[in-house]
Amino acid sequence: MLLVEQHVGFALDAAGRYYVLAAGRIRSEGSGGTGAATDVRTAMAI
């Protein structure tokens, strides 16, 4: 299932894995959960 969500914490709590896409390519991936929030926010920074 694909979940697109603006609230990173909520999405990571609901997900077993995450993928951050940029221009259609995987920029970052890993296990879900609240511990992944810093990694996701770093990957999303422009």
C-alpha atoms as a PDB file:
ATOM      1  CA  MET A   1       0.000   0.000   0.000  1.00  0.00           C
ATOM      2  CA  LEU A   2       1.257   3.495  -0.770  1.00  0.00           C
ATOM      3  CA  LEU A   3       0.624   6.155   1.874  1.00  0.00           C
ATOM      4  CA  VAL A   4       1.338   9.776   1.066  1.00  0.00           C
ATOM      5  CA  GLU A   5       1.200  11.854   4.220  1.00  0.00           C
ATOM      6  CA  GLN A   6       2.398  15.304   5.303  1.00  0.00           C
ATOM      7  CA  HIS A   7       2.700  14.313   8.969  1.00  0.00           C
ATOM      8  CA  VAL A   8       5.899  12.242   9.072  1.00  0.00           C
ATOM      9  CA  GLY A   9       5.389  10.927  12.610  1.00  0.00           C
ATOM     10  CA  PHE A  10       1.911   9.584  11.841  1.00  0.00           C
ATOM     11  CA  ALA A  11       3.048   7.945   8.607  1.00  0.00           C
ATOM     12  CA  LEU A  12       6.077   6.290  10.223  1.00  0.00           C
ATOM     13  CA  ASP A  13       3.973   4.926  13.096  1.00  0.00           C
ATOM     14  CA  ALA A  14       1.668   3.282  10.551  1.00  0.00           C
ATOM     15  CA  ALA A  15       4.435   1.961   8.268  1.00  0.00           C
ATOM     16  CA  GLY A  16       6.653  -1.091   8.474  1.00  0.00           C
ATOM     17  CA  ARG A  17       9.013   0.413   5.880  1.00  0.00           C
ATOM     18  CA  TYR A  18       9.428   3.840   4.345  1.00  0.00           C
ATOM     19  CA  TYR A  19      10.742   5.185   1.047  1.00  0.00           C
ATOM     20  CA  VAL A  20      11.508   8.824   0.305  1.00  0.00           C
ATOM     21  CA  LEU A  21      11.188   9.608  -3.408  1.00  0.00           C
ATOM     22  CA  ALA A  22      12.756  12.539  -5.245  1.00  0.00           C
ATOM     23  CA  ALA A  23      12.133  13.041  -8.963  1.00  0.00           C
ATOM     24  CA  GLY A  24      10.728   9.517  -9.192  1.00  0.00           C
ATOM     25  CA  ARG A  25      13.782   7.839  -7.653  1.00  0.00           C
ATOM     26  CA  ILE A  26      14.274   6.371  -4.192  1.00  0.00           C
ATOM     27  CA  ARG A  27      16.350   8.827  -2.166  1.00  0.00           C
ATOM     28  CA  SER A  28      16.137   7.000   1.173  1.00  0.00           C
ATOM     29  CA  GLU A  29      14.541   3.847   2.579  1.00  0.00           C
ATOM     30  CA  GLY A  30      14.403   1.972   5.859  1.00  0.00           C
ATOM     31  CA  SER A  31      12.274   0.486   8.617  1.00  0.00           C
ATOM     32  CA  GLY A  32       9.277   2.463   9.821  1.00  0.00           C
ATOM     33  CA  GLY A  33       8.572   3.509  13.382  1.00  0.00           C
ATOM     34  CA  THR A  34       9.176   6.703  15.293  1.00  0.00           C
ATOM     35  CA  GLY A  35      12.950   6.130  15.388  1.00  0.00           C
ATOM     36  CA  ALA A  36      13.153   6.765  11.634  1.00  0.00           C
ATOM     37  CA  ALA A  37      11.766  10.313  11.762  1.00  0.00           C
ATOM     38  CA  THR A  38      15.193  12.017  11.800  1.00  0.00           C
ATOM     39  CA  ASP A  39      16.421   9.986   8.817  1.00  0.00           C
ATOM     40  CA  VAL A  40      13.256  10.770   6.846  1.00  0.00           C
ATOM     41  CA  ARG A  41      13.389  14.485   7.622  1.00  0.00           C
ATOM     42  CA  THR A  42      17.068  14.585   6.607  1.00  0.00           C
ATOM     43  CA  ALA A  43      16.292  12.843   3.303  1.00  0.00           C
ATOM     44  CA  MET A  44      13.435  15.274   2.636  1.00  0.00           C
ATOM     45  CA  ALA A  45      15.532  18.408   3.292  1.00  0.00           C
ATOM     46  CA  ILE A  46      16.302  20.465   0.233  1.00  0.00           C
END
